[in-house]
Full PDB file with SEQRES, HELIX, SHEET, SSBOND, CRYST1, ORIGX, SCALE, CONECT and MASTER records, all heavy atoms in Angstrom:
SEQRES   1 A   41  ASN ILE LEU VAL VAL ILE ASP PRO THR LYS GLU GLU GLN          
SEQRES   2 A   41  THR ALA LEU SER ARG ALA VAL TYR ILE CYS GLN ARG GLU          
SEQRES   3 A   41  GLU HIS ALA LYS LEU LYS LEU PHE LEU SER VAL TYR ASP          
SEQRES   4 A   41  PHE SER                                                      
HELIX    1 AA1 THR A   14  CYS A   23  1                                  10    
SHEET    1 AA1 2 ILE A   2  VAL A   5  0                                        
SHEET    2 AA1 2 LEU A  31  PHE A  34  1                                        
CRYST1    1.000    1.000    1.000  90.00  90.00  90.00 P 1           1          
ORIGX1      1.000000  0.000000  0.000000        0.00000                         
ORIGX2      0.000000  1.000000  0.000000        0.00000                         
ORIGX3      0.000000  0.000000  1.000000        0.00000                         
SCALE1      1.000000  0.000000  0.000000        0.00000                         
SCALE2      0.000000  1.000000  0.000000        0.00000                         
SCALE3      0.000000  0.000000  1.000000        0.00000                         
ATOM      1  N   ASN A   1      10.998-221.531 -11.798  1.00  0.00           N  
ATOM      2  CA  ASN A   1      10.013-220.872 -10.941  1.00  0.00           C  
ATOM      3  C   ASN A   1      10.503-219.457 -10.639  1.00  0.00           C  
ATOM      4  O   ASN A   1      11.163-219.221  -9.622  1.00  0.00           O  
ATOM      5  CB  ASN A   1       9.827-221.699  -9.670  1.00  0.00           C  
ATOM      6  CG  ASN A   1       8.656-221.227  -8.842  1.00  0.00           C  
ATOM      7  OD1 ASN A   1       7.847-220.429  -9.280  1.00  0.00           O  
ATOM      8  ND2 ASN A   1       8.562-221.731  -7.618  1.00  0.00           N  
ATOM      9  N   ILE A   2      10.169-218.509 -11.493  1.00  0.00           N  
ATOM     10  CA  ILE A   2      10.744-217.162 -11.439  1.00  0.00           C  
ATOM     11  C   ILE A   2       9.779-216.188 -10.747  1.00  0.00           C  
ATOM     12  O   ILE A   2       8.609-216.126 -11.092  1.00  0.00           O  
ATOM     13  CB  ILE A   2      11.068-216.652 -12.854  1.00  0.00           C  
ATOM     14  CG1 ILE A   2      12.019-217.630 -13.563  1.00  0.00           C  
ATOM     15  CG2 ILE A   2      11.665-215.252 -12.820  1.00  0.00           C  
ATOM     16  CD1 ILE A   2      12.253-217.291 -15.037  1.00  0.00           C  
ATOM     17  N   LEU A   3      10.308-215.440  -9.798  1.00  0.00           N  
ATOM     18  CA  LEU A   3       9.527-214.419  -9.113  1.00  0.00           C  
ATOM     19  C   LEU A   3       9.877-213.059  -9.723  1.00  0.00           C  
ATOM     20  O   LEU A   3      11.033-212.646  -9.736  1.00  0.00           O  
ATOM     21  CB  LEU A   3       9.833-214.399  -7.613  1.00  0.00           C  
ATOM     22  CG  LEU A   3       8.993-213.435  -6.763  1.00  0.00           C  
ATOM     23  CD1 LEU A   3       7.555-213.925  -6.694  1.00  0.00           C  
ATOM     24  CD2 LEU A   3       9.574-213.287  -5.357  1.00  0.00           C  
ATOM     25  N   VAL A   4       8.859-212.366 -10.242  1.00  0.00           N  
ATOM     26  CA  VAL A   4       9.051-211.067 -10.880  1.00  0.00           C  
ATOM     27  C   VAL A   4       8.472-209.988  -9.973  1.00  0.00           C  
ATOM     28  O   VAL A   4       7.270-209.966  -9.701  1.00  0.00           O  
ATOM     29  CB  VAL A   4       8.362-211.006 -12.255  1.00  0.00           C  
ATOM     30  CG1 VAL A   4       8.678-209.694 -12.953  1.00  0.00           C  
ATOM     31  CG2 VAL A   4       8.762-212.196 -13.119  1.00  0.00           C  
ATOM     32  N   VAL A   5       9.331-209.089  -9.510  1.00  0.00           N  
ATOM     33  CA  VAL A   5       8.904-208.011  -8.628  1.00  0.00           C  
ATOM     34  C   VAL A   5       8.408-206.853  -9.485  1.00  0.00           C  
ATOM     35  O   VAL A   5       9.159-206.279 -10.288  1.00  0.00           O  
ATOM     36  CB  VAL A   5      10.058-207.540  -7.722  1.00  0.00           C  
ATOM     37  CG1 VAL A   5       9.586-206.423  -6.798  1.00  0.00           C  
ATOM     38  CG2 VAL A   5      10.597-208.724  -6.907  1.00  0.00           C  
ATOM     39  N   ILE A   6       7.139-206.505  -9.323  1.00  0.00           N  
ATOM     40  CA  ILE A   6       6.516-205.450 -10.113  1.00  0.00           C  
ATOM     41  C   ILE A   6       6.652-204.112  -9.402  1.00  0.00           C  
ATOM     42  O   ILE A   6       6.493-204.020  -8.178  1.00  0.00           O  
ATOM     43  CB  ILE A   6       5.020-205.773 -10.350  1.00  0.00           C  
ATOM     44  CG1 ILE A   6       4.903-207.083 -11.153  1.00  0.00           C  
ATOM     45  CG2 ILE A   6       4.336-204.633 -11.086  1.00  0.00           C  
ATOM     46  CD1 ILE A   6       5.555-207.057 -12.521  1.00  0.00           C  
ATOM     47  N   ASP A   7       6.954-203.073 -10.170  1.00  0.00           N  
ATOM     48  CA  ASP A   7       7.099-201.717  -9.634  1.00  0.00           C  
ATOM     49  C   ASP A   7       5.864-200.900  -9.997  1.00  0.00           C  
ATOM     50  O   ASP A   7       5.673-200.529 -11.163  1.00  0.00           O  
ATOM     51  CB  ASP A   7       8.349-201.069 -10.214  1.00  0.00           C  
ATOM     52  CG  ASP A   7       8.643-199.703  -9.592  1.00  0.00           C  
ATOM     53  OD1 ASP A   7       7.786-199.176  -8.886  1.00  0.00           O  
ATOM     54  OD2 ASP A   7       9.758-199.192  -9.826  1.00  0.00           O  
ATOM     55  N   PRO A   8       5.003-200.584  -9.031  1.00  0.00           N  
ATOM     56  CA  PRO A   8       3.760-199.860  -9.329  1.00  0.00           C  
ATOM     57  C   PRO A   8       3.989-198.411  -9.753  1.00  0.00           C  
ATOM     58  O   PRO A   8       3.074-197.760 -10.242  1.00  0.00           O  
ATOM     59  CB  PRO A   8       2.979-199.936  -8.021  1.00  0.00           C  
ATOM     60  CG  PRO A   8       4.028-200.069  -6.966  1.00  0.00           C  
ATOM     61  CD  PRO A   8       5.126-200.871  -7.588  1.00  0.00           C  
ATOM     62  N   THR A   9       5.210-197.902  -9.557  1.00  0.00           N  
ATOM     63  CA  THR A   9       5.494-196.516  -9.922  1.00  0.00           C  
ATOM     64  C   THR A   9       5.978-196.377 -11.344  1.00  0.00           C  
ATOM     65  O   THR A   9       6.176-195.242 -11.810  1.00  0.00           O  
ATOM     66  CB  THR A   9       6.562-195.917  -8.973  1.00  0.00           C  
ATOM     67  OG1 THR A   9       7.822-196.577  -9.205  1.00  0.00           O  
ATOM     68  CG2 THR A   9       6.166-196.102  -7.517  1.00  0.00           C  
ATOM     69  N   LYS A  10       6.193-197.483 -12.038  1.00  0.00           N  
ATOM     70  CA  LYS A  10       6.733-197.441 -13.388  1.00  0.00           C  
ATOM     71  C   LYS A  10       5.713-197.925 -14.411  1.00  0.00           C  
ATOM     72  O   LYS A  10       5.001-198.925 -14.180  1.00  0.00           O  
ATOM     73  CB  LYS A  10       7.984-198.315 -13.485  1.00  0.00           C  
ATOM     74  CG  LYS A  10       9.136-197.870 -12.578  1.00  0.00           C  
ATOM     75  CD  LYS A  10       9.674-196.521 -12.991  1.00  0.00           C  
ATOM     76  CE  LYS A  10      10.822-196.098 -12.093  1.00  0.00           C  
ATOM     77  NZ  LYS A  10      11.344-194.769 -12.466  1.00  0.00           N  
ATOM     78  N   GLU A  11       5.661-197.236 -15.534  1.00  0.00           N  
ATOM     79  CA  GLU A  11       4.773-197.649 -16.615  1.00  0.00           C  
ATOM     80  C   GLU A  11       5.363-198.834 -17.362  1.00  0.00           C  
ATOM     81  O   GLU A  11       4.653-199.790 -17.713  1.00  0.00           O  
ATOM     82  CB  GLU A  11       4.525-196.485 -17.575  1.00  0.00           C  
ATOM     83  CG  GLU A  11       3.555-196.812 -18.708  1.00  0.00           C  
ATOM     84  CD  GLU A  11       3.252-195.599 -19.570  1.00  0.00           C  
ATOM     85  OE1 GLU A  11       3.574-194.473 -19.151  1.00  0.00           O  
ATOM     86  OE2 GLU A  11       2.692-195.789 -20.657  1.00  0.00           O  
ATOM     87  N   GLU A  12       6.685-198.783 -17.598  1.00  0.00           N  
ATOM     88  CA  GLU A  12       7.361-199.877 -18.292  1.00  0.00           C  
ATOM     89  C   GLU A  12       7.935-200.854 -17.273  1.00  0.00           C  
ATOM     90  O   GLU A  12       8.771-200.470 -16.434  1.00  0.00           O  
ATOM     91  CB  GLU A  12       8.484-199.333 -19.179  1.00  0.00           C  
ATOM     92  CG  GLU A  12       9.208-200.403 -19.970  1.00  0.00           C  
ATOM     93  CD  GLU A  12      10.342-199.848 -20.806  1.00  0.00           C  
ATOM     94  OE1 GLU A  12      10.594-198.629 -20.732  1.00  0.00           O  
ATOM     95  OE2 GLU A  12      10.985-200.622 -21.538  1.00  0.00           O  
ATOM     96  N   GLN A  13       7.496-202.107 -17.334  1.00  0.00           N  
ATOM     97  CA  GLN A  13       7.951-203.123 -16.402  1.00  0.00           C  
ATOM     98  C   GLN A  13       9.099-203.911 -17.029  1.00  0.00           C  
ATOM     99  O   GLN A  13       8.915-204.959 -17.636  1.00  0.00           O  
ATOM    100  CB  GLN A  13       6.791-204.051 -16.013  1.00  0.00           C  
ATOM    101  CG  GLN A  13       5.644-203.348 -15.300  1.00  0.00           C  
ATOM    102  CD  GLN A  13       6.059-202.804 -13.934  1.00  0.00           C  
ATOM    103  OE1 GLN A  13       6.908-203.390 -13.252  1.00  0.00           O  
ATOM    104  NE2 GLN A  13       5.468-201.680 -13.545  1.00  0.00           N  
ATOM    105  N   THR A  14      10.322-203.396 -16.874  1.00  0.00           N  
ATOM    106  CA  THR A  14      11.490-204.027 -17.499  1.00  0.00           C  
ATOM    107  C   THR A  14      11.749-205.414 -16.932  1.00  0.00           C  
ATOM    108  O   THR A  14      12.183-206.313 -17.648  1.00  0.00           O  
ATOM    109  CB  THR A  14      12.743-203.153 -17.295  1.00  0.00           C  
ATOM    110  OG1 THR A  14      12.926-202.882 -15.898  1.00  0.00           O  
ATOM    111  CG2 THR A  14      12.600-201.825 -18.037  1.00  0.00           C  
ATOM    112  N   ALA A  15      11.464-205.604 -15.638  1.00  0.00           N  
ATOM    113  CA  ALA A  15      11.683-206.912 -15.028  1.00  0.00           C  
ATOM    114  C   ALA A  15      10.773-207.961 -15.643  1.00  0.00           C  
ATOM    115  O   ALA A  15      11.198-209.098 -15.904  1.00  0.00           O  
ATOM    116  CB  ALA A  15      11.449-206.832 -13.519  1.00  0.00           C  
ATOM    117  N   LEU A  16       9.536-207.599 -15.904  1.00  0.00           N  
ATOM    118  CA  LEU A  16       8.588-208.538 -16.509  1.00  0.00           C  
ATOM    119  C   LEU A  16       9.041-208.911 -17.924  1.00  0.00           C  
ATOM    120  O   LEU A  16       9.020-210.094 -18.300  1.00  0.00           O  
ATOM    121  CB  LEU A  16       7.196-207.924 -16.534  1.00  0.00           C  
ATOM    122  CG  LEU A  16       6.104-208.726 -17.248  1.00  0.00           C  
ATOM    123  CD1 LEU A  16       5.985-210.128 -16.688  1.00  0.00           C  
ATOM    124  CD2 LEU A  16       4.763-207.993 -17.158  1.00  0.00           C  
ATOM    125  N   SER A  17       9.433-207.928 -18.702  1.00  0.00           N  
ATOM    126  CA  SER A  17       9.883-208.215 -20.065  1.00  0.00           C  
ATOM    127  C   SER A  17      11.081-209.151 -20.070  1.00  0.00           C  
ATOM    128  O   SER A  17      11.141-210.090 -20.868  1.00  0.00           O  
ATOM    129  CB  SER A  17      10.260-206.900 -20.777  1.00  0.00           C  
ATOM    130  OG  SER A  17       9.149-206.034 -20.844  1.00  0.00           O  
ATOM    131  N   ARG A  18      12.029-208.906 -19.160  1.00  0.00           N  
ATOM    132  CA  ARG A  18      13.228-209.758 -19.101  1.00  0.00           C  
ATOM    133  C   ARG A  18      12.877-211.164 -18.624  1.00  0.00           C  
ATOM    134  O   ARG A  18      13.394-212.156 -19.151  1.00  0.00           O  
ATOM    135  CB  ARG A  18      14.259-209.134 -18.169  1.00  0.00           C  
ATOM    136  CG  ARG A  18      15.611-209.843 -18.212  1.00  0.00           C  
ATOM    137  CD  ARG A  18      16.351-209.505 -19.511  1.00  0.00           C  
ATOM    138  NE  ARG A  18      17.017-208.215 -19.409  1.00  0.00           N  
ATOM    139  CZ  ARG A  18      17.008-207.298 -20.379  1.00  0.00           C  
ATOM    140  NH1 ARG A  18      16.367-207.544 -21.505  1.00  0.00           N  
ATOM    141  NH2 ARG A  18      17.648-206.159 -20.240  1.00  0.00           N  
ATOM    142  N   ALA A  19      12.010-211.260 -17.639  1.00  0.00           N  
ATOM    143  CA  ALA A  19      11.626-212.575 -17.125  1.00  0.00           C  
ATOM    144  C   ALA A  19      10.902-213.394 -18.190  1.00  0.00           C  
ATOM    145  O   ALA A  19      11.115-214.607 -18.304  1.00  0.00           O  
ATOM    146  CB  ALA A  19      10.756-212.418 -15.886  1.00  0.00           C  
ATOM    147  N   VAL A  20      10.033-212.749 -18.961  1.00  0.00           N  
ATOM    148  CA  VAL A  20       9.344-213.443 -20.050  1.00  0.00           C  
ATOM    149  C   VAL A  20      10.358-213.922 -21.086  1.00  0.00           C  
ATOM    150  O   VAL A  20      10.250-215.050 -21.583  1.00  0.00           O  
ATOM    151  CB  VAL A  20       8.290-212.515 -20.688  1.00  0.00           C  
ATOM    152  CG1 VAL A  20       7.773-213.123 -21.993  1.00  0.00           C  
ATOM    153  CG2 VAL A  20       7.138-212.292 -19.717  1.00  0.00           C  
ATOM    154  N   TYR A  21      11.317-213.090 -21.397  1.00  0.00           N  
ATOM    155  CA  TYR A  21      12.369-213.457 -22.353  1.00  0.00           C  
ATOM    156  C   TYR A  21      13.067-214.735 -21.900  1.00  0.00           C  
ATOM    157  O   TYR A  21      13.305-215.653 -22.695  1.00  0.00           O  
ATOM    158  CB  TYR A  21      13.369-212.307 -22.468  1.00  0.00           C  
ATOM    159  CG  TYR A  21      14.509-212.529 -23.432  1.00  0.00           C  
ATOM    160  CD1 TYR A  21      14.408-212.130 -24.760  1.00  0.00           C  
ATOM    161  CD2 TYR A  21      15.701-213.119 -23.003  1.00  0.00           C  
ATOM    162  CE1 TYR A  21      15.465-212.321 -25.635  1.00  0.00           C  
ATOM    163  CE2 TYR A  21      16.755-213.314 -23.881  1.00  0.00           C  
ATOM    164  CZ  TYR A  21      16.624-212.908 -25.194  1.00  0.00           C  
ATOM    165  OH  TYR A  21      17.674-213.123 -26.062  1.00  0.00           O  
ATOM    166  N   ILE A  22      13.403-214.804 -20.596  1.00  0.00           N  
ATOM    167  CA  ILE A  22      14.056-216.003 -20.065  1.00  0.00           C  
ATOM    168  C   ILE A  22      13.108-217.188 -20.087  1.00  0.00           C  
ATOM    169  O   ILE A  22      13.467-218.290 -20.498  1.00  0.00           O  
ATOM    170  CB  ILE A  22      14.555-215.726 -18.620  1.00  0.00           C  
ATOM    171  CG1 ILE A  22      15.673-214.674 -18.628  1.00  0.00           C  
ATOM    172  CG2 ILE A  22      15.062-217.018 -17.974  1.00  0.00           C  
ATOM    173  CD1 ILE A  22      16.077-214.214 -17.251  1.00  0.00           C  
ATOM    174  N   CYS A  23      11.889-216.949 -19.656  1.00  0.00           N  
ATOM    175  CA  CYS A  23      10.891-218.028 -19.554  1.00  0.00           C  
ATOM    176  C   CYS A  23      10.626-218.672 -20.909  1.00  0.00           C  
ATOM    177  O   CYS A  23      10.432-219.889 -20.996  1.00  0.00           O  
ATOM    178  CB  CYS A  23       9.612-217.473 -18.949  1.00  0.00           C  
ATOM    179  SG  CYS A  23       8.440-218.716 -18.390  1.00  0.00           S  
ATOM    180  N   GLN A  24      10.594-217.880 -21.962  1.00  0.00           N  
ATOM    181  CA  GLN A  24      10.324-218.400 -23.294  1.00  0.00           C  
ATOM    182  C   GLN A  24      11.457-219.258 -23.835  1.00  0.00           C  
ATOM    183  O   GLN A  24      11.291-219.955 -24.820  1.00  0.00           O  
ATOM    184  CB  GLN A  24      10.020-217.247 -24.246  1.00  0.00           C  
ATOM    185  CG  GLN A  24       8.684-216.563 -23.969  1.00  0.00           C  
ATOM    186  CD  GLN A  24       8.443-215.346 -24.832  1.00  0.00           C  
ATOM    187  OE1 GLN A  24       9.380-214.664 -25.264  1.00  0.00           O  
ATOM    188  NE2 GLN A  24       7.179-215.055 -25.105  1.00  0.00           N  
ATOM    189  N   ARG A  25      12.620-219.203 -23.163  1.00  0.00           N  
ATOM    190  CA  ARG A  25      13.770-220.007 -23.573  1.00  0.00           C  
ATOM    191  C   ARG A  25      13.981-221.209 -22.669  1.00  0.00           C  
ATOM    192  O   ARG A  25      14.958-221.920 -22.797  1.00  0.00           O  
ATOM    193  CB  ARG A  25      15.027-219.132 -23.612  1.00  0.00           C  
ATOM    194  CG  ARG A  25      15.051-218.267 -24.856  1.00  0.00           C  
ATOM    195  CD  ARG A  25      15.856-216.997 -24.694  1.00  0.00           C  
ATOM    196  NE  ARG A  25      15.798-216.225 -25.940  1.00  0.00           N  
ATOM    197  CZ  ARG A  25      14.747-215.500 -26.328  1.00  0.00           C  
ATOM    198  NH1 ARG A  25      13.668-215.445 -25.575  1.00  0.00           N  
ATOM    199  NH2 ARG A  25      14.782-214.824 -27.471  1.00  0.00           N  
ATOM    200  N   GLU A  26      13.083-221.407 -21.753  1.00  0.00           N  
ATOM    201  CA  GLU A  26      13.119-222.530 -20.827  1.00  0.00           C  
ATOM    202  C   GLU A  26      11.922-223.449 -21.056  1.00  0.00           C  
ATOM    203  O   GLU A  26      10.868-223.007 -21.516  1.00  0.00           O  
ATOM    204  CB  GLU A  26      13.077-222.022 -19.373  1.00  0.00           C  
ATOM    205  CG  GLU A  26      14.261-221.184 -18.961  1.00  0.00           C  
ATOM    206  CD  GLU A  26      15.448-222.004 -18.561  1.00  0.00           C  
ATOM    207  OE1 GLU A  26      15.827-222.900 -19.354  1.00  0.00           O  
ATOM    208  OE2 GLU A  26      15.995-221.779 -17.490  1.00  0.00           O  
ATOM    209  N   GLU A  27      12.092-224.706 -20.719  1.00  0.00           N  
ATOM    210  CA  GLU A  27      10.986-225.646 -20.782  1.00  0.00           C  
ATOM    211  C   GLU A  27      10.330-225.739 -19.401  1.00  0.00           C  
ATOM    212  O   GLU A  27      11.011-225.845 -18.394  1.00  0.00           O  
ATOM    213  CB  GLU A  27      11.476-227.018 -21.213  1.00  0.00           C  
ATOM    214  CG  GLU A  27      12.028-227.069 -22.632  1.00  0.00           C  
ATOM    215  CD  GLU A  27      12.508-228.461 -23.008  1.00  0.00           C  
ATOM    216  OE1 GLU A  27      12.371-229.368 -22.161  1.00  0.00           O  
ATOM    217  OE2 GLU A  27      13.018-228.617 -24.127  1.00  0.00           O  
ATOM    218  N   HIS A  28       9.016-225.671 -19.381  1.00  0.00           N  
ATOM    219  CA  HIS A  28       8.235-225.833 -18.156  1.00  0.00           C  
ATOM    220  C   HIS A  28       8.546-224.764 -17.116  1.00  0.00           C  
ATOM    221  O   HIS A  28       8.380-224.990 -15.917  1.00  0.00           O  
ATOM    222  CB  HIS A  28       8.486-227.218 -17.548  1.00  0.00           C  
ATOM    223  CG  HIS A  28       8.364-228.335 -18.515  1.00  0.00           C  
ATOM    224  ND1 HIS A  28       7.180-228.628 -19.184  1.00  0.00           N  
ATOM    225  CD2 HIS A  28       9.274-229.244 -18.984  1.00  0.00           C  
ATOM    226  CE1 HIS A  28       7.378-229.660 -19.990  1.00  0.00           C  
ATOM    227  NE2 HIS A  28       8.625-230.037 -19.892  1.00  0.00           N  
ATOM    228  N   ALA A  29       8.964-223.592 -17.571  1.00  0.00           N  
ATOM    229  CA  ALA A  29       9.217-222.490 -16.622  1.00  0.00           C  
ATOM    230  C   ALA A  29       7.928-221.706 -16.409  1.00  0.00           C  
ATOM    231  O   ALA A  29       7.056-221.635 -17.274  1.00  0.00           O  
ATOM    232  CB  ALA A  29      10.306-221.586 -17.165  1.00  0.00           C  
ATOM    233  N   LYS A  30       7.814-221.126 -15.228  1.00  0.00           N  
ATOM    234  CA  LYS A  30       6.636-220.326 -14.916  1.00  0.00           C  
ATOM    235  C   LYS A  30       7.056-219.063 -14.179  1.00  0.00           C  
ATOM    236  O   LYS A  30       8.120-218.998 -13.536  1.00  0.00           O  
ATOM    237  CB  LYS A  30       5.642-221.123 -14.071  1.00  0.00           C  
ATOM    238  CG  LYS A  30       6.191-221.592 -12.733  1.00  0.00           C  
ATOM    239  CD  LYS A  30       5.156-222.413 -11.970  1.00  0.00           C  
ATOM    240  CE  LYS A  30       5.715-222.902 -10.627  1.00  0.00           C  
ATOM    241  NZ  LYS A  30       4.716-223.686  -9.882  1.00  0.00           N  
ATOM    242  N   LEU A  31       6.203-218.033 -14.273  1.00  0.00           N  
ATOM    243  CA  LEU A  31       6.447-216.751 -13.629  1.00  0.00           C  
ATOM    244  C   LEU A  31       5.385-216.479 -12.578  1.00  0.00           C  
ATOM    245  O   LEU A  31       4.245-216.928 -12.697  1.00  0.00           O  
ATOM    246  CB  LEU A  31       6.421-215.609 -14.654  1.00  0.00           C  
ATOM    247  CG  LEU A  31       7.301-215.689 -15.887  1.00  0.00           C  
ATOM    248  CD1 LEU A  31       7.112-214.446 -16.737  1.00  0.00           C  
ATOM    249  CD2 LEU A  31       8.752-215.861 -15.513  1.00  0.00           C  
ATOM    250  N   LYS A  32       5.753-215.706 -11.587  1.00  0.00           N  
ATOM    251  CA  LYS A  32       4.797-215.147 -10.654  1.00  0.00           C  
ATOM    252  C   LYS A  32       5.044-213.645 -10.569  1.00  0.00           C  
ATOM    253  O   LYS A  32       6.146-213.221 -10.206  1.00  0.00           O  
ATOM    254  CB  LYS A  32       4.916-215.770  -9.258  1.00  0.00           C  
ATOM    255  CG  LYS A  32       3.909-215.183  -8.254  1.00  0.00           C  
ATOM    256  CD  LYS A  32       4.206-215.620  -6.835  1.00  0.00           C  
ATOM    257  CE  LYS A  32       3.925-217.102  -6.638  1.00  0.00           C  
ATOM    258  NZ  LYS A  32       4.221-217.531  -5.249  1.00  0.00           N  
ATOM    259  N   LEU A  33       4.035-212.858 -10.927  1.00  0.00           N  
ATOM    260  CA  LEU A  33       4.128-211.417 -10.772  1.00  0.00           C  
ATOM    261  C   LEU A  33       3.777-211.088  -9.328  1.00  0.00           C  
ATOM    262  O   LEU A  33       2.701-211.444  -8.837  1.00  0.00           O  
ATOM    263  CB  LEU A  33       3.169-210.696 -11.723  1.00  0.00           C  
ATOM    264  CG  LEU A  33       3.228-211.113 -13.197  1.00  0.00           C  
ATOM    265  CD1 LEU A  33       2.446-210.125 -14.053  1.00  0.00           C  
ATOM    266  CD2 LEU A  33       4.654-211.220 -13.685  1.00  0.00           C  
ATOM    267  N   PHE A  34       4.691-210.395  -8.661  1.00  0.00           N  
ATOM    268  CA  PHE A  34       4.563-210.190  -7.212  1.00  0.00           C  
ATOM    269  C   PHE A  34       4.602-208.702  -6.891  1.00  0.00           C  
ATOM    270  O   PHE A  34       5.461-207.961  -7.377  1.00  0.00           O  
ATOM    271  CB  PHE A  34       5.698-210.908  -6.476  1.00  0.00           C  
ATOM    272  CG  PHE A  34       5.613-210.803  -4.980  1.00  0.00           C  
ATOM    273  CD1 PHE A  34       4.768-211.626  -4.260  1.00  0.00           C  
ATOM    274  CD2 PHE A  34       6.411-209.899  -4.293  1.00  0.00           C  
ATOM    275  CE1 PHE A  34       4.687-211.537  -2.887  1.00  0.00           C  
ATOM    276  CE2 PHE A  34       6.345-209.801  -2.911  1.00  0.00           C  
ATOM    277  CZ  PHE A  34       5.477-210.629  -2.211  1.00  0.00           C  
ATOM    278  N   LEU A  35       3.663-208.261  -6.067  1.00  0.00           N  
ATOM    279  CA  LEU A  35       3.592-206.863  -5.668  1.00  0.00           C  
ATOM    280  C   LEU A  35       3.301-206.781  -4.175  1.00  0.00           C  
ATOM    281  O   LEU A  35       2.347-207.376  -3.680  1.00  0.00           O  
ATOM    282  CB  LEU A  35       2.498-206.141  -6.455  1.00  0.00           C  
ATOM    283  CG  LEU A  35       2.274-204.660  -6.133  1.00  0.00           C  
ATOM    284  CD1 LEU A  35       3.530-203.849  -6.350  1.00  0.00           C  
ATOM    285  CD2 LEU A  35       1.115-204.114  -6.951  1.00  0.00           C  
ATOM    286  N   SER A  36       4.146-206.045  -3.469  1.00  0.00           N  
ATOM    287  CA  SER A  36       3.958-205.804  -2.044  1.00  0.00           C  
ATOM    288  C   SER A  36       3.443-204.376  -1.884  1.00  0.00           C  
ATOM    289  O   SER A  36       4.073-203.417  -2.310  1.00  0.00           O  
ATOM    290  CB  SER A  36       5.267-205.984  -1.290  1.00  0.00           C  
ATOM    291  OG  SER A  36       5.123-205.699   0.080  1.00  0.00           O  
ATOM    292  N   VAL A  37       2.269-204.222  -1.270  1.00  0.00           N  
ATOM    293  CA  VAL A  37       1.655-202.899  -1.115  1.00  0.00           C  
ATOM    294  C   VAL A  37       1.459-202.585   0.367  1.00  0.00           C  
ATOM    295  O   VAL A  37       1.304-203.487   1.191  1.00  0.00           O  
ATOM    296  CB  VAL A  37       0.306-202.819  -1.846  1.00  0.00           C  
ATOM    297  CG1 VAL A  37       0.499-202.978  -3.342  1.00  0.00           C  
ATOM    298  CG2 VAL A  37      -0.675-203.860  -1.319  1.00  0.00           C  
ATOM    299  N   TYR A  38       1.458-201.284   0.651  1.00  0.00           N  
ATOM    300  CA  TYR A  38       1.249-200.861   2.041  1.00  0.00           C  
ATOM    301  C   TYR A  38       0.927-199.377   2.055  1.00  0.00           C  
ATOM    302  O   TYR A  38       1.496-198.584   1.297  1.00  0.00           O  
ATOM    303  CB  TYR A  38       2.509-201.101   2.887  1.00  0.00           C  
ATOM    304  CG  TYR A  38       2.326-200.796   4.355  1.00  0.00           C  
ATOM    305  CD1 TYR A  38       1.652-201.690   5.190  1.00  0.00           C  
ATOM    306  CD2 TYR A  38       2.837-199.620   4.901  1.00  0.00           C  
ATOM    307  CE1 TYR A  38       1.481-201.412   6.547  1.00  0.00           C  
ATOM    308  CE2 TYR A  38       2.678-199.339   6.256  1.00  0.00           C  
ATOM    309  CZ  TYR A  38       1.987-200.239   7.063  1.00  0.00           C  
ATOM    310  OH  TYR A  38       1.812-199.964   8.401  1.00  0.00           O  
ATOM    311  N   ASP A  39      -0.012-198.993   2.903  1.00  0.00           N  
ATOM    312  CA  ASP A  39      -0.377-197.594   3.086  1.00  0.00           C  
ATOM    313  C   ASP A  39      -0.499-197.343   4.584  1.00  0.00           C  
ATOM    314  O   ASP A  39      -1.420-197.840   5.231  1.00  0.00           O  
ATOM    315  CB  ASP A  39      -1.682-197.263   2.374  1.00  0.00           C  
ATOM    316  CG  ASP A  39      -1.977-195.769   2.351  1.00  0.00           C  
ATOM    317  OD1 ASP A  39      -1.524-195.059   3.284  1.00  0.00           O  
ATOM    318  OD2 ASP A  39      -2.644-195.303   1.408  1.00  0.00           O  
ATOM    319  N   PHE A  40       0.458-196.601   5.128  1.00  0.00           N  
ATOM    320  CA  PHE A  40       0.511-196.381   6.575  1.00  0.00           C  
ATOM    321  C   PHE A  40      -0.751-195.682   7.085  1.00  0.00           C  
ATOM    322  O   PHE A  40      -1.180-195.903   8.216  1.00  0.00           O  
ATOM    323  CB  PHE A  40       1.746-195.560   6.927  1.00  0.00           C  
ATOM    324  CG  PHE A  40       1.951-195.377   8.404  1.00  0.00           C  
ATOM    325  CD1 PHE A  40       2.265-196.460   9.222  1.00  0.00           C  
ATOM    326  CD2 PHE A  40       1.837-194.128   8.994  1.00  0.00           C  
ATOM    327  CE1 PHE A  40       2.463-196.306  10.567  1.00  0.00           C  
ATOM    328  CE2 PHE A  40       2.018-193.963  10.349  1.00  0.00           C  
ATOM    329  CZ  PHE A  40       2.337-195.037  11.145  1.00  0.00           C  
ATOM    330  N   SER A  41      -1.342-194.845   6.237  1.00  0.00           N  
ATOM    331  CA  SER A  41      -2.532-194.113   6.665  1.00  0.00           C  
ATOM    332  C   SER A  41      -3.686-195.044   7.002  1.00  0.00           C  
ATOM    333  O   SER A  41      -4.532-194.734   7.830  1.00  0.00           O  
ATOM    334  CB  SER A  41      -2.953-193.112   5.587  1.00  0.00           C  
ATOM    335  OG  SER A  41      -3.334-193.790   4.402  1.00  0.00           O  
TER     336      SER A  41                                                      
MASTER        0    0    0    1    2    0    0    6  335    1    0    4          
END                                                                             
């Protein structure tokens, strides 16, 4: 059960690529792409 923290400021999501790499080598593994957003204005 892998939590992948997404970076909205980056075009290349290295964390996602690495998590998928791990997930594809595991049985019954799953990912959750997670993004925390906030705008003070």
